[in-house]
N, C-alpha and C. Protein backbone atom coordinates (compact mmCIF):
# COMPACT_ATOMS: atom_id res chain seq x y z
N MET A 1 14.64 7.81 -3.34
CA MET A 1 13.75 8.13 -2.26
C MET A 1 12.85 6.93 -1.98
N SER A 2 12.47 6.76 -0.74
CA SER A 2 11.57 5.67 -0.39
C SER A 2 10.46 6.19 0.51
N VAL A 3 9.36 5.46 0.55
CA VAL A 3 8.24 5.75 1.43
C VAL A 3 7.98 4.50 2.25
N THR A 4 7.84 4.68 3.55
CA THR A 4 7.56 3.56 4.44
C THR A 4 6.10 3.64 4.87
N ALA A 5 5.43 2.50 4.86
CA ALA A 5 4.03 2.44 5.28
C ALA A 5 3.88 1.38 6.36
N LYS A 6 3.21 1.75 7.42
CA LYS A 6 2.89 0.81 8.50
C LYS A 6 1.50 0.26 8.21
N VAL A 7 1.36 -1.06 8.20
CA VAL A 7 0.09 -1.69 7.86
C VAL A 7 -0.28 -2.76 8.89
N VAL A 8 -1.56 -3.12 8.87
CA VAL A 8 -2.09 -4.17 9.73
C VAL A 8 -2.71 -5.22 8.82
N CYS A 9 -2.43 -6.49 9.08
CA CYS A 9 -3.09 -7.56 8.33
C CYS A 9 -4.51 -7.64 8.87
N SER A 10 -5.49 -7.32 8.00
CA SER A 10 -6.88 -7.25 8.45
C SER A 10 -7.69 -8.49 8.08
N VAL A 11 -7.28 -9.21 7.03
CA VAL A 11 -8.02 -10.39 6.59
C VAL A 11 -7.04 -11.42 6.03
N LYS A 12 -7.29 -12.69 6.34
CA LYS A 12 -6.50 -13.81 5.81
C LYS A 12 -7.51 -14.88 5.44
N THR A 13 -7.71 -15.08 4.13
CA THR A 13 -8.77 -15.96 3.64
C THR A 13 -8.20 -17.11 2.82
N LEU A 14 -8.55 -18.33 3.17
CA LEU A 14 -8.14 -19.52 2.42
C LEU A 14 -9.00 -19.64 1.16
N GLN A 15 -8.35 -19.88 0.03
CA GLN A 15 -9.07 -20.11 -1.23
C GLN A 15 -8.55 -21.38 -1.88
N GLY A 16 -9.47 -22.12 -2.53
CA GLY A 16 -9.08 -23.32 -3.27
C GLY A 16 -8.60 -24.44 -2.38
N GLU A 17 -9.16 -24.57 -1.20
CA GLU A 17 -8.70 -25.57 -0.23
C GLU A 17 -8.68 -26.97 -0.84
N GLY A 18 -7.55 -27.67 -0.66
CA GLY A 18 -7.41 -29.04 -1.13
C GLY A 18 -7.15 -29.18 -2.62
N THR A 19 -6.95 -28.07 -3.31
CA THR A 19 -6.66 -28.12 -4.75
C THR A 19 -5.23 -27.68 -4.99
N PRO A 20 -4.72 -27.89 -6.20
CA PRO A 20 -3.36 -27.40 -6.51
C PRO A 20 -3.27 -25.87 -6.48
N TYR A 21 -4.42 -25.19 -6.46
CA TYR A 21 -4.45 -23.72 -6.48
C TYR A 21 -4.67 -23.13 -5.08
N GLU A 22 -4.57 -23.97 -4.04
CA GLU A 22 -4.80 -23.50 -2.68
C GLU A 22 -3.87 -22.34 -2.34
N SER A 23 -4.43 -21.28 -1.82
CA SER A 23 -3.64 -20.10 -1.44
C SER A 23 -4.39 -19.31 -0.39
N TYR A 24 -3.73 -18.33 0.17
CA TYR A 24 -4.33 -17.42 1.13
C TYR A 24 -4.31 -16.02 0.54
N ILE A 25 -5.45 -15.36 0.62
CA ILE A 25 -5.54 -13.96 0.23
C ILE A 25 -5.34 -13.14 1.50
N LEU A 26 -4.38 -12.23 1.46
CA LEU A 26 -4.07 -11.38 2.60
C LEU A 26 -4.44 -9.94 2.27
N ASN A 27 -5.16 -9.29 3.17
CA ASN A 27 -5.51 -7.88 3.02
C ASN A 27 -4.82 -7.08 4.11
N PHE A 28 -4.24 -5.97 3.71
CA PHE A 28 -3.55 -5.08 4.64
C PHE A 28 -4.14 -3.68 4.52
N SER A 29 -4.33 -3.05 5.68
CA SER A 29 -4.82 -1.68 5.74
C SER A 29 -3.79 -0.83 6.47
N ALA A 30 -3.80 0.47 6.17
CA ALA A 30 -2.87 1.38 6.83
C ALA A 30 -3.14 1.44 8.32
N ASP A 31 -2.07 1.58 9.09
CA ASP A 31 -2.14 1.71 10.55
C ASP A 31 -1.84 3.17 10.89
N TYR A 32 -2.86 3.91 11.30
CA TYR A 32 -2.70 5.33 11.59
C TYR A 32 -2.49 5.64 13.07
N ALA A 33 -2.44 4.62 13.92
CA ALA A 33 -2.30 4.83 15.36
C ALA A 33 -1.03 5.61 15.68
N ASP A 34 -1.13 6.48 16.65
CA ASP A 34 0.04 7.24 17.16
C ASP A 34 0.80 7.99 16.07
N GLY A 35 0.10 8.46 15.04
CA GLY A 35 0.74 9.25 13.99
C GLY A 35 1.53 8.44 12.97
N ARG A 36 1.37 7.11 13.01
CA ARG A 36 2.07 6.30 12.01
C ARG A 36 1.58 6.71 10.62
N ASN A 37 2.42 6.67 9.68
CA ASN A 37 2.13 6.99 8.28
C ASN A 37 1.90 8.47 8.04
N LYS A 38 2.22 9.34 8.99
CA LYS A 38 1.98 10.76 8.79
C LYS A 38 2.81 11.32 7.63
N GLU A 39 3.90 10.64 7.30
CA GLU A 39 4.76 11.06 6.19
C GLU A 39 3.97 11.18 4.89
N TRP A 40 3.06 10.27 4.65
CA TRP A 40 2.31 10.27 3.38
C TRP A 40 0.80 10.42 3.57
N ALA A 41 0.27 10.23 4.76
CA ALA A 41 -1.17 10.20 4.97
C ALA A 41 -1.86 11.55 4.72
N ALA A 42 -1.16 12.65 4.91
CA ALA A 42 -1.78 13.95 4.67
C ALA A 42 -2.17 14.10 3.20
N ALA A 43 -1.37 13.56 2.31
CA ALA A 43 -1.64 13.66 0.87
C ALA A 43 -2.44 12.48 0.34
N THR A 44 -2.28 11.33 0.95
CA THR A 44 -2.94 10.10 0.50
C THR A 44 -3.46 9.37 1.73
N PRO A 45 -4.63 9.75 2.23
CA PRO A 45 -5.06 9.22 3.52
C PRO A 45 -5.69 7.84 3.51
N TYR A 46 -5.50 7.07 2.45
CA TYR A 46 -6.10 5.75 2.40
C TYR A 46 -5.12 4.77 1.75
N MET A 47 -5.05 3.56 2.29
CA MET A 47 -4.23 2.52 1.68
C MET A 47 -4.87 1.17 1.93
N HIS A 48 -4.90 0.37 0.89
CA HIS A 48 -5.35 -1.01 0.99
C HIS A 48 -4.49 -1.83 0.04
N ILE A 49 -3.89 -2.88 0.55
CA ILE A 49 -3.04 -3.74 -0.28
C ILE A 49 -3.52 -5.18 -0.10
N GLN A 50 -3.55 -5.91 -1.20
CA GLN A 50 -3.96 -7.31 -1.16
C GLN A 50 -2.91 -8.13 -1.89
N MET A 51 -2.60 -9.31 -1.33
CA MET A 51 -1.69 -10.21 -2.01
C MET A 51 -2.10 -11.65 -1.73
N SER A 52 -1.65 -12.53 -2.59
CA SER A 52 -1.95 -13.95 -2.47
C SER A 52 -0.64 -14.68 -2.22
N VAL A 53 -0.67 -15.61 -1.25
CA VAL A 53 0.53 -16.39 -0.94
C VAL A 53 0.18 -17.86 -0.92
N LYS A 54 1.19 -18.68 -1.20
CA LYS A 54 1.01 -20.13 -1.19
C LYS A 54 2.02 -20.75 -0.23
N GLY A 55 1.74 -21.96 0.17
CA GLY A 55 2.69 -22.72 0.99
C GLY A 55 2.94 -22.10 2.34
N ASP A 56 4.16 -22.25 2.81
CA ASP A 56 4.53 -21.82 4.15
C ASP A 56 4.55 -20.30 4.33
N LEU A 57 4.50 -19.53 3.24
CA LEU A 57 4.48 -18.07 3.38
C LEU A 57 3.30 -17.61 4.21
N LYS A 58 2.20 -18.37 4.17
CA LYS A 58 1.01 -17.98 4.94
C LYS A 58 1.32 -17.86 6.43
N ASP A 59 2.29 -18.62 6.91
CA ASP A 59 2.62 -18.61 8.33
C ASP A 59 3.35 -17.34 8.77
N LEU A 60 3.80 -16.55 7.82
CA LEU A 60 4.50 -15.29 8.15
C LEU A 60 3.53 -14.17 8.50
N PHE A 61 2.24 -14.35 8.22
CA PHE A 61 1.26 -13.28 8.39
C PHE A 61 0.11 -13.72 9.28
N GLU A 62 -0.25 -12.86 10.23
CA GLU A 62 -1.35 -13.13 11.14
C GLU A 62 -2.28 -11.92 11.19
N VAL A 63 -3.58 -12.18 11.21
CA VAL A 63 -4.56 -11.10 11.32
C VAL A 63 -4.32 -10.35 12.63
N GLY A 64 -4.33 -9.02 12.53
CA GLY A 64 -4.12 -8.16 13.70
C GLY A 64 -2.67 -7.77 13.94
N LYS A 65 -1.73 -8.46 13.30
CA LYS A 65 -0.31 -8.12 13.46
C LYS A 65 0.04 -6.96 12.52
N LYS A 66 1.05 -6.21 12.92
CA LYS A 66 1.49 -5.04 12.16
C LYS A 66 2.77 -5.34 11.40
N TYR A 67 2.87 -4.72 10.23
CA TYR A 67 4.02 -4.94 9.34
C TYR A 67 4.45 -3.60 8.75
N THR A 68 5.67 -3.54 8.26
CA THR A 68 6.20 -2.35 7.63
C THR A 68 6.50 -2.65 6.16
N LEU A 69 5.99 -1.80 5.28
CA LEU A 69 6.28 -1.90 3.85
C LEU A 69 7.19 -0.76 3.46
N THR A 70 8.13 -1.02 2.59
CA THR A 70 8.99 0.04 2.06
C THR A 70 8.85 0.06 0.55
N PHE A 71 8.49 1.22 0.04
CA PHE A 71 8.36 1.40 -1.41
C PHE A 71 9.57 2.18 -1.89
N GLU A 72 10.32 1.55 -2.79
CA GLU A 72 11.50 2.18 -3.36
C GLU A 72 11.42 2.07 -4.87
N GLU A 73 11.83 3.12 -5.54
CA GLU A 73 11.87 3.08 -7.00
C GLU A 73 13.03 2.19 -7.43
N ASN A 74 12.76 1.33 -8.40
CA ASN A 74 13.80 0.47 -8.96
C ASN A 74 14.19 0.99 -10.33
N GLU A 75 15.46 0.83 -10.64
CA GLU A 75 15.89 1.18 -11.99
C GLU A 75 15.34 0.13 -12.95
N GLU A 76 14.85 0.60 -14.06
CA GLU A 76 14.29 -0.30 -15.06
C GLU A 76 15.39 -1.14 -15.68
N VAL A 77 15.17 -2.43 -15.76
CA VAL A 77 16.13 -3.34 -16.37
C VAL A 77 15.50 -3.88 -17.64
N SER A 78 16.20 -3.77 -18.73
CA SER A 78 15.67 -4.23 -20.01
C SER A 78 16.15 -5.64 -20.28
N ASP A 79 15.23 -6.48 -20.76
CA ASP A 79 15.57 -7.84 -21.17
C ASP A 79 15.98 -7.90 -22.64
N ALA A 80 15.85 -6.79 -23.32
CA ALA A 80 16.14 -6.76 -24.75
C ALA A 80 17.64 -6.94 -24.98
N LYS A 81 17.97 -7.74 -25.99
CA LYS A 81 19.37 -7.96 -26.35
C LYS A 81 19.74 -7.01 -27.47
N GLU A 82 20.89 -6.42 -27.33
CA GLU A 82 21.33 -5.47 -28.36
C GLU A 82 22.20 -6.14 -29.38
């Protein structure tokens, strides 16, 4: 089973400018316009996701643009050797 969430990039903040640790912090909030997210919003009416990206990945995200996230359960993979 999967859950799809419609989100809006609400903040894009540069951190560590000019250092080897330079990155962008991206904040995403749920987009409830026109009934989006009604699949899960009745039970969980709030969502906030934050991620950090480096390099050219920052160009994939713009404040005010909308994106779709899909949450799917993954089968657990063990690194243990038998």
